[in-house]
mmCIF file of all heavy atoms, coordinates in Angstrom:
data_MODEL
# 
_entry.id   MODEL 
# 
loop_
_atom_site.group_PDB 
_atom_site.id 
_atom_site.type_symbol 
_atom_site.label_atom_id 
_atom_site.label_alt_id 
_atom_site.label_comp_id 
_atom_site.label_asym_id 
_atom_site.label_entity_id 
_atom_site.label_seq_id 
_atom_site.pdbx_PDB_ins_code 
_atom_site.Cartn_x 
_atom_site.Cartn_y 
_atom_site.Cartn_z 
_atom_site.occupancy 
_atom_site.B_iso_or_equiv 
_atom_site.pdbx_formal_charge 
_atom_site.auth_seq_id 
_atom_site.auth_comp_id 
_atom_site.auth_asym_id 
_atom_site.auth_atom_id 
_atom_site.pdbx_PDB_model_num 
ATOM 1   N N   . PHE A 1 1  ? 0.823  -1.205 0.000   1.00 0.00 ? 1  PHE A N   1 
ATOM 2   C CA  . PHE A 1 1  ? 0.000  0.000  0.000   1.00 0.00 ? 1  PHE A CA  1 
ATOM 3   C C   . PHE A 1 1  ? 0.860  1.259  0.000   1.00 0.00 ? 1  PHE A C   1 
ATOM 4   O O   . PHE A 1 1  ? 0.539  2.254  -0.663  1.00 0.00 ? 1  PHE A O   1 
ATOM 5   C CB  . PHE A 1 1  ? -0.928 -0.005 1.211   1.00 0.00 ? 1  PHE A CB  1 
ATOM 6   C CG  . PHE A 1 1  ? -2.029 -1.028 1.118   1.00 0.00 ? 1  PHE A CG  1 
ATOM 7   C CD1 . PHE A 1 1  ? -2.538 -1.636 2.257   1.00 0.00 ? 1  PHE A CD1 1 
ATOM 8   C CD2 . PHE A 1 1  ? -2.555 -1.385 -0.103  1.00 0.00 ? 1  PHE A CD2 1 
ATOM 9   C CE1 . PHE A 1 1  ? -3.545 -2.593 2.167   1.00 0.00 ? 1  PHE A CE1 1 
ATOM 10  C CE2 . PHE A 1 1  ? -3.567 -2.337 -0.209  1.00 0.00 ? 1  PHE A CE2 1 
ATOM 11  C CZ  . PHE A 1 1  ? -4.056 -2.936 0.929   1.00 0.00 ? 1  PHE A CZ  1 
ATOM 12  N N   . ASN A 1 2  ? 1.977  1.267  0.746   1.00 0.00 ? 2  ASN A N   1 
ATOM 13  C CA  . ASN A 1 2  ? 2.860  2.430  0.768   1.00 0.00 ? 2  ASN A CA  1 
ATOM 14  C C   . ASN A 1 2  ? 3.435  2.706  -0.615  1.00 0.00 ? 2  ASN A C   1 
ATOM 15  O O   . ASN A 1 2  ? 3.507  3.861  -1.065  1.00 0.00 ? 2  ASN A O   1 
ATOM 16  C CB  . ASN A 1 2  ? 3.988  2.224  1.779   1.00 0.00 ? 2  ASN A CB  1 
ATOM 17  C CG  . ASN A 1 2  ? 3.504  2.302  3.211   1.00 0.00 ? 2  ASN A CG  1 
ATOM 18  O OD1 . ASN A 1 2  ? 2.490  2.930  3.494   1.00 0.00 ? 2  ASN A OD1 1 
ATOM 19  N ND2 . ASN A 1 2  ? 4.214  1.671  4.124   1.00 0.00 ? 2  ASN A ND2 1 
ATOM 20  N N   . ASP A 1 3  ? 3.858  1.653  -1.313  1.00 0.00 ? 3  ASP A N   1 
ATOM 21  C CA  . ASP A 1 3  ? 4.391  1.858  -2.655  1.00 0.00 ? 3  ASP A CA  1 
ATOM 22  C C   . ASP A 1 3  ? 3.306  2.295  -3.628  1.00 0.00 ? 3  ASP A C   1 
ATOM 23  O O   . ASP A 1 3  ? 3.571  3.074  -4.558  1.00 0.00 ? 3  ASP A O   1 
ATOM 24  C CB  . ASP A 1 3  ? 5.044  0.571  -3.156  1.00 0.00 ? 3  ASP A CB  1 
ATOM 25  C CG  . ASP A 1 3  ? 6.415  0.347  -2.522  1.00 0.00 ? 3  ASP A CG  1 
ATOM 26  O OD1 . ASP A 1 3  ? 6.922  1.299  -1.899  1.00 0.00 ? 3  ASP A OD1 1 
ATOM 27  O OD2 . ASP A 1 3  ? 6.958  -0.764 -2.633  1.00 0.00 ? 3  ASP A OD2 1 
ATOM 28  N N   . GLU A 1 4  ? 2.078  1.809  -3.439  1.00 0.00 ? 4  GLU A N   1 
ATOM 29  C CA  . GLU A 1 4  ? 0.968  2.269  -4.286  1.00 0.00 ? 4  GLU A CA  1 
ATOM 30  C C   . GLU A 1 4  ? 0.737  3.769  -4.092  1.00 0.00 ? 4  GLU A C   1 
ATOM 31  O O   . GLU A 1 4  ? 0.478  4.510  -5.042  1.00 0.00 ? 4  GLU A O   1 
ATOM 32  C CB  . GLU A 1 4  ? -0.306 1.493  -3.957  1.00 0.00 ? 4  GLU A CB  1 
ATOM 33  C CG  . GLU A 1 4  ? -0.274 0.017  -4.309  1.00 0.00 ? 4  GLU A CG  1 
ATOM 34  C CD  . GLU A 1 4  ? -0.408 -0.241 -5.798  1.00 0.00 ? 4  GLU A CD  1 
ATOM 35  O OE1 . GLU A 1 4  ? -0.455 0.739  -6.564  1.00 0.00 ? 4  GLU A OE1 1 
ATOM 36  O OE2 . GLU A 1 4  ? -0.475 -1.418 -6.189  1.00 0.00 ? 4  GLU A OE2 1 
ATOM 37  N N   . ILE A 1 5  ? 0.832  4.245  -2.840  1.00 0.00 ? 5  ILE A N   1 
ATOM 38  C CA  . ILE A 1 5  ? 0.655  5.671  -2.570  1.00 0.00 ? 5  ILE A CA  1 
ATOM 39  C C   . ILE A 1 5  ? 1.778  6.479  -3.213  1.00 0.00 ? 5  ILE A C   1 
ATOM 40  O O   . ILE A 1 5  ? 1.553  7.547  -3.797  1.00 0.00 ? 5  ILE A O   1 
ATOM 41  C CB  . ILE A 1 5  ? 0.598  5.910  -1.051  1.00 0.00 ? 5  ILE A CB  1 
ATOM 42  C CG1 . ILE A 1 5  ? -0.687 5.292  -0.466  1.00 0.00 ? 5  ILE A CG1 1 
ATOM 43  C CG2 . ILE A 1 5  ? 0.643  7.404  -0.732  1.00 0.00 ? 5  ILE A CG2 1 
ATOM 44  C CD1 . ILE A 1 5  ? -0.761 5.343  1.038   1.00 0.00 ? 5  ILE A CD1 1 
ATOM 45  N N   . ARG A 1 6  ? 3.010  5.979  -3.119  1.00 0.00 ? 6  ARG A N   1 
ATOM 46  C CA  . ARG A 1 6  ? 4.131  6.684  -3.759  1.00 0.00 ? 6  ARG A CA  1 
ATOM 47  C C   . ARG A 1 6  ? 3.944  6.759  -5.266  1.00 0.00 ? 6  ARG A C   1 
ATOM 48  O O   . ARG A 1 6  ? 4.203  7.798  -5.888  1.00 0.00 ? 6  ARG A O   1 
ATOM 49  C CB  . ARG A 1 6  ? 5.436  5.957  -3.435  1.00 0.00 ? 6  ARG A CB  1 
ATOM 50  C CG  . ARG A 1 6  ? 5.889  6.111  -1.987  1.00 0.00 ? 6  ARG A CG  1 
ATOM 51  C CD  . ARG A 1 6  ? 7.226  5.426  -1.786  1.00 0.00 ? 6  ARG A CD  1 
ATOM 52  N NE  . ARG A 1 6  ? 7.716  5.617  -0.433  1.00 0.00 ? 6  ARG A NE  1 
ATOM 53  C CZ  . ARG A 1 6  ? 8.857  5.099  0.018   1.00 0.00 ? 6  ARG A CZ  1 
ATOM 54  N NH1 . ARG A 1 6  ? 9.603  4.372  -0.791  1.00 0.00 ? 6  ARG A NH1 1 
ATOM 55  N NH2 . ARG A 1 6  ? 9.233  5.314  1.268   1.00 0.00 ? 6  ARG A NH2 1 
ATOM 56  N N   . LEU A 1 7  ? 3.485  5.661  -5.856  1.00 0.00 ? 7  LEU A N   1 
ATOM 57  C CA  . LEU A 1 7  ? 3.236  5.663  -7.294  1.00 0.00 ? 7  LEU A CA  1 
ATOM 58  C C   . LEU A 1 7  ? 2.137  6.655  -7.654  1.00 0.00 ? 7  LEU A C   1 
ATOM 59  O O   . LEU A 1 7  ? 2.228  7.363  -8.670  1.00 0.00 ? 7  LEU A O   1 
ATOM 60  C CB  . LEU A 1 7  ? 2.859  4.255  -7.743  1.00 0.00 ? 7  LEU A CB  1 
ATOM 61  C CG  . LEU A 1 7  ? 2.573  4.084  -9.244  1.00 0.00 ? 7  LEU A CG  1 
ATOM 62  C CD1 . LEU A 1 7  ? 3.815  4.423  -10.055 1.00 0.00 ? 7  LEU A CD1 1 
ATOM 63  C CD2 . LEU A 1 7  ? 2.120  2.651  -9.537  1.00 0.00 ? 7  LEU A CD2 1 
ATOM 64  N N   . ALA A 1 8  ? 1.095  6.732  -6.822  1.00 0.00 ? 8  ALA A N   1 
ATOM 65  C CA  . ALA A 1 8  ? 0.023  7.701  -7.083  1.00 0.00 ? 8  ALA A CA  1 
ATOM 66  C C   . ALA A 1 8  ? 0.554  9.134  -7.027  1.00 0.00 ? 8  ALA A C   1 
ATOM 67  O O   . ALA A 1 8  ? 0.157  9.989  -7.833  1.00 0.00 ? 8  ALA A O   1 
ATOM 68  C CB  . ALA A 1 8  ? -1.100 7.508  -6.062  1.00 0.00 ? 8  ALA A CB  1 
ATOM 69  N N   . LYS A 1 9  ? 1.474  9.410  -6.084  1.00 0.00 ? 9  LYS A N   1 
ATOM 70  C CA  . LYS A 1 9  ? 2.053  10.752 -6.001  1.00 0.00 ? 9  LYS A CA  1 
ATOM 71  C C   . LYS A 1 9  ? 2.864  11.085 -7.252  1.00 0.00 ? 9  LYS A C   1 
ATOM 72  O O   . LYS A 1 9  ? 2.795  12.210 -7.768  1.00 0.00 ? 9  LYS A O   1 
ATOM 73  C CB  . LYS A 1 9  ? 2.925  10.860 -4.749  1.00 0.00 ? 9  LYS A CB  1 
ATOM 74  C CG  . LYS A 1 9  ? 2.141  10.859 -3.445  1.00 0.00 ? 9  LYS A CG  1 
ATOM 75  C CD  . LYS A 1 9  ? 3.078  10.991 -2.262  1.00 0.00 ? 9  LYS A CD  1 
ATOM 76  C CE  . LYS A 1 9  ? 2.294  11.028 -0.945  1.00 0.00 ? 9  LYS A CE  1 
ATOM 77  N NZ  . LYS A 1 9  ? 3.202  11.128 0.236   1.00 0.00 ? 9  LYS A NZ  1 
ATOM 78  N N   . LEU A 1 10 ? 3.643  10.110 -7.726  1.00 0.00 ? 10 LEU A N   1 
ATOM 79  C CA  . LEU A 1 10 ? 4.426  10.358 -8.943  1.00 0.00 ? 10 LEU A CA  1 
ATOM 80  C C   . LEU A 1 10 ? 3.514  10.606 -10.137 1.00 0.00 ? 10 LEU A C   1 
ATOM 81  O O   . LEU A 1 10 ? 3.770  11.514 -10.945 1.00 0.00 ? 10 LEU A O   1 
ATOM 82  C CB  . LEU A 1 10 ? 5.335  9.161  -9.216  1.00 0.00 ? 10 LEU A CB  1 
ATOM 83  C CG  . LEU A 1 10 ? 6.527  8.978  -8.270  1.00 0.00 ? 10 LEU A CG  1 
ATOM 84  C CD1 . LEU A 1 10 ? 7.296  7.725  -8.638  1.00 0.00 ? 10 LEU A CD1 1 
ATOM 85  C CD2 . LEU A 1 10 ? 7.440  10.200 -8.312  1.00 0.00 ? 10 LEU A CD2 1 
ATOM 86  N N   . GLU A 1 11 ? 2.438  9.814  -10.246 1.00 0.00 ? 11 GLU A N   1 
ATOM 87  C CA  . GLU A 1 11 ? 1.507  10.028 -11.352 1.00 0.00 ? 11 GLU A CA  1 
ATOM 88  C C   . GLU A 1 11 ? 0.816  11.377 -11.241 1.00 0.00 ? 11 GLU A C   1 
ATOM 89  O O   . GLU A 1 11 ? 0.599  12.060 -12.245 1.00 0.00 ? 11 GLU A O   1 
ATOM 90  C CB  . GLU A 1 11 ? 0.480  8.905  -11.377 1.00 0.00 ? 11 GLU A CB  1 
ATOM 91  C CG  . GLU A 1 11 ? 1.061  7.551  -11.776 1.00 0.00 ? 11 GLU A CG  1 
ATOM 92  C CD  . GLU A 1 11 ? 0.010  6.466  -11.820 1.00 0.00 ? 11 GLU A CD  1 
ATOM 93  O OE1 . GLU A 1 11 ? -1.137 6.746  -11.423 1.00 0.00 ? 11 GLU A OE1 1 
ATOM 94  O OE2 . GLU A 1 11 ? 0.329  5.344  -12.259 1.00 0.00 ? 11 GLU A OE2 1 
ATOM 95  N N   . ALA A 1 12 ? 0.470  11.784 -10.004 1.00 0.00 ? 12 ALA A N   1 
ATOM 96  C CA  . ALA A 1 12 ? -0.154 13.096 -9.827  1.00 0.00 ? 12 ALA A CA  1 
ATOM 97  C C   . ALA A 1 12 ? 0.812  14.216 -10.221 1.00 0.00 ? 12 ALA A C   1 
ATOM 98  O O   . ALA A 1 12 ? 0.399  15.227 -10.799 1.00 0.00 ? 12 ALA A O   1 
ATOM 99  C CB  . ALA A 1 12 ? -0.589 13.262 -8.366  1.00 0.00 ? 12 ALA A CB  1 
ATOM 100 N N   . LYS A 1 13 ? 2.102  14.016 -9.916  1.00 0.00 ? 13 LYS A N   1 
ATOM 101 C CA  . LYS A 1 13 ? 3.097  15.025 -10.294 1.00 0.00 ? 13 LYS A CA  1 
ATOM 102 C C   . LYS A 1 13 ? 3.194  15.140 -11.813 1.00 0.00 ? 13 LYS A C   1 
ATOM 103 O O   . LYS A 1 13 ? 3.271  16.244 -12.369 1.00 0.00 ? 13 LYS A O   1 
ATOM 104 C CB  . LYS A 1 13 ? 4.451  14.643 -9.694  1.00 0.00 ? 13 LYS A CB  1 
ATOM 105 C CG  . LYS A 1 13 ? 5.517  15.693 -9.874  1.00 0.00 ? 13 LYS A CG  1 
ATOM 106 C CD  . LYS A 1 13 ? 6.795  15.279 -9.156  1.00 0.00 ? 13 LYS A CD  1 
ATOM 107 C CE  . LYS A 1 13 ? 7.873  16.347 -9.331  1.00 0.00 ? 13 LYS A CE  1 
ATOM 108 N NZ  . LYS A 1 13 ? 9.134  15.958 -8.631  1.00 0.00 ? 13 LYS A NZ  1 
ATOM 109 N N   . GLU A 1 14 ? 3.191  13.976 -12.493 1.00 0.00 ? 14 GLU A N   1 
ATOM 110 C CA  . GLU A 1 14 ? 3.239  14.007 -13.954 1.00 0.00 ? 14 GLU A CA  1 
ATOM 111 C C   . GLU A 1 14 ? 1.992  14.681 -14.531 1.00 0.00 ? 14 GLU A C   1 
ATOM 112 O O   . GLU A 1 14 ? 2.083  15.481 -15.477 1.00 0.00 ? 14 GLU A O   1 
ATOM 113 C CB  . GLU A 1 14 ? 3.355  12.582 -14.490 1.00 0.00 ? 14 GLU A CB  1 
ATOM 114 C CG  . GLU A 1 14 ? 4.682  11.911 -14.161 1.00 0.00 ? 14 GLU A CG  1 
ATOM 115 C CD  . GLU A 1 14 ? 4.741  10.485 -14.671 1.00 0.00 ? 14 GLU A CD  1 
ATOM 116 O OE1 . GLU A 1 14 ? 3.710  10.029 -15.206 1.00 0.00 ? 14 GLU A OE1 1 
ATOM 117 O OE2 . GLU A 1 14 ? 5.798  9.848  -14.544 1.00 0.00 ? 14 GLU A OE2 1 
ATOM 118 N N   . LYS A 1 15 ? 0.830  14.363 -13.969 1.00 0.00 ? 15 LYS A N   1 
ATOM 119 C CA  . LYS A 1 15 ? -0.405 14.990 -14.459 1.00 0.00 ? 15 LYS A CA  1 
ATOM 120 C C   . LYS A 1 15 ? -0.398 16.489 -14.187 1.00 0.00 ? 15 LYS A C   1 
ATOM 121 O O   . LYS A 1 15 ? -0.926 17.285 -14.976 1.00 0.00 ? 15 LYS A O   1 
ATOM 122 C CB  . LYS A 1 15 ? -1.613 14.335 -13.798 1.00 0.00 ? 15 LYS A CB  1 
ATOM 123 C CG  . LYS A 1 15 ? -1.849 12.903 -14.248 1.00 0.00 ? 15 LYS A CG  1 
ATOM 124 C CD  . LYS A 1 15 ? -3.099 12.322 -13.620 1.00 0.00 ? 15 LYS A CD  1 
ATOM 125 C CE  . LYS A 1 15 ? -3.279 10.862 -14.031 1.00 0.00 ? 15 LYS A CE  1 
ATOM 126 N NZ  . LYS A 1 15 ? -3.487 10.731 -15.486 1.00 0.00 ? 15 LYS A NZ  1 
ATOM 127 N N   . GLY A 1 16 ? 0.196  16.909 -13.047 1.00 0.00 ? 16 GLY A N   1 
ATOM 128 C CA  . GLY A 1 16 ? 0.299  18.337 -12.763 1.00 0.00 ? 16 GLY A CA  1 
ATOM 129 C C   . GLY A 1 16 ? 1.149  19.055 -13.804 1.00 0.00 ? 16 GLY A C   1 
ATOM 130 O O   . GLY A 1 16 ? 0.825  20.179 -14.212 1.00 0.00 ? 16 GLY A O   1 
ATOM 131 N N   . ALA A 1 17 ? 2.248  18.393 -14.230 1.00 0.00 ? 17 ALA A N   1 
ATOM 132 C CA  . ALA A 1 17 ? 3.080  18.998 -15.269 1.00 0.00 ? 17 ALA A CA  1 
ATOM 133 C C   . ALA A 1 17 ? 2.302  19.138 -16.573 1.00 0.00 ? 17 ALA A C   1 
ATOM 134 O O   . ALA A 1 17 ? 2.392  20.169 -17.269 1.00 0.00 ? 17 ALA A O   1 
ATOM 135 C CB  . ALA A 1 17 ? 4.334  18.155 -15.486 1.00 0.00 ? 17 ALA A CB  1 
ATOM 136 N N   . ARG A 1 18 ? 1.517  18.109 -16.906 1.00 0.00 ? 18 ARG A N   1 
ATOM 137 C CA  . ARG A 1 18 ? 0.712  18.194 -18.133 1.00 0.00 ? 18 ARG A CA  1 
ATOM 138 C C   . ARG A 1 18 ? -0.356 19.281 -18.025 1.00 0.00 ? 18 ARG A C   1 
ATOM 139 O O   . ARG A 1 18 ? -0.636 19.997 -18.989 1.00 0.00 ? 18 ARG A O   1 
ATOM 140 C CB  . ARG A 1 18 ? 0.063  16.840 -18.415 1.00 0.00 ? 18 ARG A CB  1 
ATOM 141 C CG  . ARG A 1 18 ? 1.062  15.737 -18.760 1.00 0.00 ? 18 ARG A CG  1 
ATOM 142 C CD  . ARG A 1 18 ? 0.347  14.513 -19.302 1.00 0.00 ? 18 ARG A CD  1 
ATOM 143 N NE  . ARG A 1 18 ? 1.276  13.433 -19.623 1.00 0.00 ? 18 ARG A NE  1 
ATOM 144 C CZ  . ARG A 1 18 ? 1.571  12.430 -18.815 1.00 0.00 ? 18 ARG A CZ  1 
ATOM 145 N NH1 . ARG A 1 18 ? 0.960  12.353 -17.630 1.00 0.00 ? 18 ARG A NH1 1 
ATOM 146 N NH2 . ARG A 1 18 ? 2.409  11.494 -19.167 1.00 0.00 ? 18 ARG A NH2 1 
ATOM 147 N N   . LEU A 1 19 ? -0.967 19.388 -16.822 1.00 0.00 ? 19 LEU A N   1 
ATOM 148 C CA  . LEU A 1 19 ? -1.959 20.451 -16.635 1.00 0.00 ? 19 LEU A CA  1 
ATOM 149 C C   . LEU A 1 19 ? -1.326 21.830 -16.750 1.00 0.00 ? 19 LEU A C   1 
ATOM 150 O O   . LEU A 1 19 ? -1.932 22.779 -17.268 1.00 0.00 ? 19 LEU A O   1 
ATOM 151 C CB  . LEU A 1 19 ? -2.636 20.292 -15.276 1.00 0.00 ? 19 LEU A CB  1 
ATOM 152 C CG  . LEU A 1 19 ? -3.615 19.107 -15.143 1.00 0.00 ? 19 LEU A CG  1 
ATOM 153 C CD1 . LEU A 1 19 ? -4.129 19.013 -13.713 1.00 0.00 ? 19 LEU A CD1 1 
ATOM 154 C CD2 . LEU A 1 19 ? -4.783 19.268 -16.107 1.00 0.00 ? 19 LEU A CD2 1 
ATOM 155 N N   . GLY A 1 20 ? -0.083 21.958 -16.239 1.00 0.00 ? 20 GLY A N   1 
ATOM 156 C CA  . GLY A 1 20 ? 0.609  23.239 -16.386 1.00 0.00 ? 20 GLY A CA  1 
ATOM 157 C C   . GLY A 1 20 ? 0.848  23.589 -17.844 1.00 0.00 ? 20 GLY A C   1 
ATOM 158 O O   . GLY A 1 20 ? 0.674  24.752 -18.254 1.00 0.00 ? 20 GLY A O   1 
ATOM 159 N N   . MET A 1 21 ? 1.232  22.580 -18.637 1.00 0.00 ? 21 MET A N   1 
ATOM 160 C CA  . MET A 1 21 ? 1.415  22.827 -20.067 1.00 0.00 ? 21 MET A CA  1 
ATOM 161 C C   . MET A 1 21 ? 0.083  23.198 -20.731 1.00 0.00 ? 21 MET A C   1 
ATOM 162 O O   . MET A 1 21 ? 0.029  24.108 -21.583 1.00 0.00 ? 21 MET A O   1 
ATOM 163 C CB  . MET A 1 21 ? 2.010  21.573 -20.719 1.00 0.00 ? 21 MET A CB  1 
ATOM 164 C CG  . MET A 1 21 ? 2.374  21.763 -22.182 1.00 0.00 ? 21 MET A CG  1 
ATOM 165 S SD  . MET A 1 21 ? 3.167  20.278 -22.865 1.00 0.00 ? 21 MET A SD  1 
ATOM 166 C CE  . MET A 1 21 ? 4.661  20.245 -21.848 1.00 0.00 ? 21 MET A CE  1 
ATOM 167 N N   . ALA A 1 22 ? -0.981 22.500 -20.323 1.00 0.00 ? 22 ALA A N   1 
ATOM 168 C CA  . ALA A 1 22 ? -2.296 22.847 -20.880 1.00 0.00 ? 22 ALA A CA  1 
ATOM 169 C C   . ALA A 1 22 ? -2.693 24.268 -20.499 1.00 0.00 ? 22 ALA A C   1 
ATOM 170 O O   . ALA A 1 22 ? -3.271 25.009 -21.321 1.00 0.00 ? 22 ALA A O   1 
ATOM 171 C CB  . ALA A 1 22 ? -3.343 21.855 -20.364 1.00 0.00 ? 22 ALA A CB  1 
ATOM 172 N N   . GLY A 1 23 ? -2.384 24.674 -19.254 1.00 0.00 ? 23 GLY A N   1 
ATOM 173 C CA  . GLY A 1 23 ? -2.686 26.046 -18.839 1.00 0.00 ? 23 GLY A CA  1 
ATOM 174 C C   . GLY A 1 23 ? -1.917 27.068 -19.658 1.00 0.00 ? 23 GLY A C   1 
ATOM 175 O O   . GLY A 1 23 ? -2.446 28.142 -19.988 1.00 0.00 ? 23 GLY A O   1 
ATOM 176 N N   . ALA A 1 24 ? -0.650 26.735 -19.988 1.00 0.00 ? 24 ALA A N   1 
ATOM 177 C CA  . ALA A 1 24 ? 0.143  27.659 -20.801 1.00 0.00 ? 24 ALA A CA  1 
ATOM 178 C C   . ALA A 1 24 ? -0.478 27.849 -22.178 1.00 0.00 ? 24 ALA A C   1 
ATOM 179 O O   . ALA A 1 24 ? -0.601 28.978 -22.680 1.00 0.00 ? 24 ALA A O   1 
ATOM 180 C CB  . ALA A 1 24 ? 1.579  27.134 -20.922 1.00 0.00 ? 24 ALA A CB  1 
ATOM 181 N N   . PHE A 1 25 ? -0.883 26.743 -22.803 1.00 0.00 ? 25 PHE A N   1 
ATOM 182 C CA  . PHE A 1 25 ? -1.519 26.866 -24.120 1.00 0.00 ? 25 PHE A CA  1 
ATOM 183 C C   . PHE A 1 25 ? -2.865 27.588 -24.022 1.00 0.00 ? 25 PHE A C   1 
ATOM 184 O O   . PHE A 1 25 ? -3.245 28.343 -24.929 1.00 0.00 ? 25 PHE A O   1 
ATOM 185 C CB  . PHE A 1 25 ? -1.698 25.483 -24.742 1.00 0.00 ? 25 PHE A CB  1 
ATOM 186 C CG  . PHE A 1 25 ? -0.446 24.942 -25.363 1.00 0.00 ? 25 PHE A CG  1 
ATOM 187 C CD1 . PHE A 1 25 ? 0.322  24.017 -24.693 1.00 0.00 ? 25 PHE A CD1 1 
ATOM 188 C CD2 . PHE A 1 25 ? -0.027 25.383 -26.613 1.00 0.00 ? 25 PHE A CD2 1 
ATOM 189 C CE1 . PHE A 1 25 ? 1.486  23.519 -25.253 1.00 0.00 ? 25 PHE A CE1 1 
ATOM 190 C CE2 . PHE A 1 25 ? 1.130  24.886 -27.190 1.00 0.00 ? 25 PHE A CE2 1 
ATOM 191 C CZ  . PHE A 1 25 ? 1.899  23.952 -26.507 1.00 0.00 ? 25 PHE A CZ  1 
ATOM 192 N N   . ALA A 1 26 ? -3.591 27.351 -22.905 1.00 0.00 ? 26 ALA A N   1 
ATOM 193 C CA  . ALA A 1 26 ? -4.846 28.080 -22.730 1.00 0.00 ? 26 ALA A CA  1 
ATOM 194 C C   . ALA A 1 26 ? -4.588 29.575 -22.591 1.00 0.00 ? 26 ALA A C   1 
ATOM 195 O O   . ALA A 1 26 ? -5.365 30.408 -23.084 1.00 0.00 ? 26 ALA A O   1 
ATOM 196 C CB  . ALA A 1 26 ? -5.579 27.554 -21.488 1.00 0.00 ? 26 ALA A CB  1 
ATOM 197 N N   . GLY A 1 27 ? -3.486 29.950 -21.903 1.00 0.00 ? 27 GLY A N   1 
ATOM 198 C CA  . GLY A 1 27 ? -3.143 31.372 -21.791 1.00 0.00 ? 27 GLY A CA  1 
ATOM 199 C C   . GLY A 1 27 ? -2.837 31.989 -23.146 1.00 0.00 ? 27 GLY A C   1 
ATOM 200 O O   . GLY A 1 27 ? -3.248 33.128 -23.434 1.00 0.00 ? 27 GLY A O   1 
ATOM 201 N N   . VAL A 1 28 ? -2.108 31.218 -23.970 1.00 0.00 ? 28 VAL A N   1 
ATOM 202 C CA  . VAL A 1 28 ? -1.829 31.720 -25.327 1.00 0.00 ? 28 VAL A CA  1 
ATOM 203 C C   . VAL A 1 28 ? -3.128 31.915 -26.104 1.00 0.00 ? 28 VAL A C   1 
ATOM 204 O O   . VAL A 1 28 ? -3.325 32.937 -26.797 1.00 0.00 ? 28 VAL A O   1 
ATOM 205 C CB  . VAL A 1 28 ? -0.888 30.738 -26.054 1.00 0.00 ? 28 VAL A CB  1 
ATOM 206 C CG1 . VAL A 1 28 ? -0.733 31.134 -27.519 1.00 0.00 ? 28 VAL A CG1 1 
ATOM 207 C CG2 . VAL A 1 28 ? 0.471  30.702 -25.368 1.00 0.00 ? 28 VAL A CG2 1 
# 
């Protein structure tokens, strides 16, 4: 379960980076 939580955090970090890129294109 601890490793599953760590994996979820890494995936959330990756999704946050993608959302940031989407926000940049939305700003443009």
